[in-house]
Amino acid sequence: SELHSIADRQAAAMAARFSPRPAIEKLLQSVDPFLAERLVRGVPDSEDEITRLGFLGMLTGRSRSPKRPPGVTDQPPKTPRIKGRIAGMSPARWGDDDVRAAL
């Protein structure tokens, strides 16, 4: 669609303009170089995934679709048909059998 193509072009332009040097220079004003390296590259021995991957690992992970939990598909769950009272003339209520069964 047109919206997807616009987003693709804008994302590509933003990626082309990205320059890490100013960000690193600003970071080094407040932390030592060793901490800056750990923030960017990660800490391999860490139990925390984000700390282990670091900023570069986080960017790499964001370039892919996230892993789905077991039992979750890309399709939404089927929703049962909920009928209103009196042939649809009255809206369904929380206490109706159809509504309670759907929950």
C-alpha atoms as a PDB file:
ATOM      1  CA  SER A   1       0.000   0.000   0.000  1.00  0.00           C
ATOM      2  CA  GLU A   2       0.992   3.615  -0.314  1.00  0.00           C
ATOM      3  CA  LEU A   3       1.411   4.024   3.442  1.00  0.00           C
ATOM      4  CA  HIS A   4       3.846   1.080   3.584  1.00  0.00           C
ATOM      5  CA  SER A   5       5.937   2.464   0.733  1.00  0.00           C
ATOM      6  CA  ILE A   6       6.093   5.908   2.386  1.00  0.00           C
ATOM      7  CA  ALA A   7       7.151   4.315   5.686  1.00  0.00           C
ATOM      8  CA  ASP A   8       9.791   2.205   3.905  1.00  0.00           C
ATOM      9  CA  ARG A   9      11.253   5.280   2.187  1.00  0.00           C
ATOM     10  CA  GLN A  10      11.282   7.299   5.407  1.00  0.00           C
ATOM     11  CA  ALA A  11      12.893   4.467   7.378  1.00  0.00           C
ATOM     12  CA  ALA A  12      15.584   4.063   4.722  1.00  0.00           C
ATOM     13  CA  ALA A  13      16.274   7.809   4.738  1.00  0.00           C
ATOM     14  CA  MET A  14      16.508   7.871   8.538  1.00  0.00           C
ATOM     15  CA  ALA A  15      18.900   4.913   8.517  1.00  0.00           C
ATOM     16  CA  ALA A  16      21.072   6.591   5.879  1.00  0.00           C
ATOM     17  CA  ARG A  17      21.291   9.783   7.983  1.00  0.00           C
ATOM     18  CA  PHE A  18      22.121   7.926  11.208  1.00  0.00           C
ATOM     19  CA  SER A  19      25.487   8.915  12.632  1.00  0.00           C
ATOM     20  CA  PRO A  20      26.560   7.279  15.899  1.00  0.00           C
ATOM     21  CA  ARG A  21      29.547   9.574  16.484  1.00  0.00           C
ATOM     22  CA  PRO A  22      27.617  12.508  18.063  1.00  0.00           C
ATOM     23  CA  ALA A  23      25.736  10.089  20.325  1.00  0.00           C
ATOM     24  CA  ILE A  24      28.942   8.405  21.506  1.00  0.00           C
ATOM     25  CA  GLU A  25      30.634  11.771  22.072  1.00  0.00           C
ATOM     26  CA  LYS A  26      27.708  12.905  24.218  1.00  0.00           C
ATOM     27  CA  LEU A  27      27.682   9.591  26.112  1.00  0.00           C
ATOM     28  CA  LEU A  28      31.409   9.910  26.838  1.00  0.00           C
ATOM     29  CA  GLN A  29      30.764  13.256  28.531  1.00  0.00           C
ATOM     30  CA  SER A  30      28.953  11.448  31.344  1.00  0.00           C
ATOM     31  CA  VAL A  31      30.459   7.918  31.494  1.00  0.00           C
ATOM     32  CA  ASP A  32      33.907   6.361  31.150  1.00  0.00           C
ATOM     33  CA  PRO A  33      34.911   4.631  27.880  1.00  0.00           C
ATOM     34  CA  PHE A  34      34.643   1.142  29.387  1.00  0.00           C
ATOM     35  CA  LEU A  35      31.038   1.643  30.466  1.00  0.00           C
ATOM     36  CA  ALA A  36      30.249   3.171  27.063  1.00  0.00           C
ATOM     37  CA  GLU A  37      31.638   0.066  25.370  1.00  0.00           C
ATOM     38  CA  ARG A  38      29.535  -2.212  27.597  1.00  0.00           C
ATOM     39  CA  LEU A  39      26.432  -0.157  26.831  1.00  0.00           C
ATOM     40  CA  VAL A  40      27.032  -0.378  23.089  1.00  0.00           C
ATOM     41  CA  ARG A  41      28.363  -3.936  22.770  1.00  0.00           C
ATOM     42  CA  GLY A  42      26.745  -5.548  25.795  1.00  0.00           C
ATOM     43  CA  VAL A  43      28.068  -7.695  28.626  1.00  0.00           C
ATOM     44  CA  PRO A  44      28.391 -11.283  27.343  1.00  0.00           C
ATOM     45  CA  ASP A  45      28.263 -12.922  30.798  1.00  0.00           C
ATOM     46  CA  SER A  46      25.116 -11.114  31.954  1.00  0.00           C
ATOM     47  CA  GLU A  47      21.972 -13.085  32.774  1.00  0.00           C
ATOM     48  CA  ASP A  48      19.800 -10.152  31.664  1.00  0.00           C
ATOM     49  CA  GLU A  49      19.163 -10.403  27.918  1.00  0.00           C
ATOM     50  CA  ILE A  50      19.167  -6.648  27.256  1.00  0.00           C
ATOM     51  CA  THR A  51      22.405  -6.161  29.185  1.00  0.00           C
ATOM     52  CA  ARG A  52      23.974  -9.143  27.404  1.00  0.00           C
ATOM     53  CA  LEU A  53      23.045  -7.852  23.933  1.00  0.00           C
ATOM     54  CA  GLY A  54      23.784  -4.156  24.458  1.00  0.00           C
ATOM     55  CA  PHE A  55      22.570  -1.398  22.174  1.00  0.00           C
ATOM     56  CA  LEU A  56      23.865  -3.034  18.985  1.00  0.00           C
ATOM     57  CA  GLY A  57      22.195  -6.322  19.880  1.00  0.00           C
ATOM     58  CA  MET A  58      18.963  -4.503  20.620  1.00  0.00           C
ATOM     59  CA  LEU A  59      19.076  -2.861  17.176  1.00  0.00           C
ATOM     60  CA  THR A  60      19.732  -6.215  15.532  1.00  0.00           C
ATOM     61  CA  GLY A  61      16.812  -7.743  17.409  1.00  0.00           C
ATOM     62  CA  ARG A  62      14.516  -4.922  16.344  1.00  0.00           C
ATOM     63  CA  SER A  63      15.261  -5.642  12.690  1.00  0.00           C
ATOM     64  CA  ARG A  64      13.387  -8.957  12.954  1.00  0.00           C
ATOM     65  CA  SER A  65       9.865  -9.875  13.959  1.00  0.00           C
ATOM     66  CA  PRO A  66       9.674 -10.920  17.612  1.00  0.00           C
ATOM     67  CA  LYS A  67       9.414 -14.598  18.532  1.00  0.00           C
ATOM     68  CA  ARG A  68       5.875 -15.689  19.271  1.00  0.00           C
ATOM     69  CA  PRO A  69       5.180 -17.445  22.544  1.00  0.00           C
ATOM     70  CA  PRO A  70       4.199 -21.118  22.243  1.00  0.00           C
ATOM     71  CA  GLY A  71       0.612 -21.558  21.120  1.00  0.00           C
ATOM     72  CA  VAL A  72       0.301 -18.044  19.683  1.00  0.00           C
ATOM     73  CA  THR A  73      -0.314 -17.700  15.951  1.00  0.00           C
ATOM     74  CA  ASP A  74      -0.376 -14.681  13.670  1.00  0.00           C
ATOM     75  CA  GLN A  75      -4.147 -14.957  13.362  1.00  0.00           C
ATOM     76  CA  PRO A  76      -6.463 -13.371  15.932  1.00  0.00           C
ATOM     77  CA  PRO A  77      -8.621 -15.717  17.984  1.00  0.00           C
ATOM     78  CA  LYS A  78     -12.072 -16.504  16.670  1.00  0.00           C
ATOM     79  CA  THR A  79     -14.803 -14.552  18.414  1.00  0.00           C
ATOM     80  CA  PRO A  80     -18.174 -16.158  18.914  1.00  0.00           C
ATOM     81  CA  ARG A  81     -21.286 -14.447  17.645  1.00  0.00           C
ATOM     82  CA  ILE A  82     -23.065 -12.638  20.459  1.00  0.00           C
ATOM     83  CA  LYS A  83     -26.747 -12.044  19.902  1.00  0.00           C
ATOM     84  CA  GLY A  84     -28.640  -9.212  21.482  1.00  0.00           C
ATOM     85  CA  ARG A  85     -31.969  -9.785  23.152  1.00  0.00           C
ATOM     86  CA  ILE A  86     -35.265  -9.617  21.290  1.00  0.00           C
ATOM     87  CA  ALA A  87     -33.980 -10.389  17.789  1.00  0.00           C
ATOM     88  CA  GLY A  88     -31.124  -7.882  18.002  1.00  0.00           C
ATOM     89  CA  MET A  89     -33.293  -4.942  19.010  1.00  0.00           C
ATOM     90  CA  SER A  90     -31.750  -4.787  22.490  1.00  0.00           C
ATOM     91  CA  PRO A  91     -27.954  -4.755  22.980  1.00  0.00           C
ATOM     92  CA  ALA A  92     -26.174  -7.673  24.610  1.00  0.00           C
ATOM     93  CA  ARG A  93     -25.439  -7.333  28.331  1.00  0.00           C
ATOM     94  CA  TRP A  94     -22.571  -8.624  30.468  1.00  0.00           C
ATOM     95  CA  GLY A  95     -24.836 -11.116  32.197  1.00  0.00           C
ATOM     96  CA  ASP A  96     -26.179 -12.713  28.984  1.00  0.00           C
ATOM     97  CA  ASP A  97     -25.296 -16.379  28.469  1.00  0.00           C
ATOM     98  CA  ASP A  98     -23.652 -15.709  25.059  1.00  0.00           C
ATOM     99  CA  VAL A  99     -21.471 -12.967  26.541  1.00  0.00           C
ATOM    100  CA  ARG A 100     -20.457 -15.014  29.590  1.00  0.00           C
ATOM    101  CA  ALA A 101     -19.574 -17.990  27.377  1.00  0.00           C
ATOM    102  CA  ALA A 102     -17.371 -15.762  25.200  1.00  0.00           C
ATOM    103  CA  LEU A 103     -15.450 -14.507  28.218  1.00  0.00           C
END
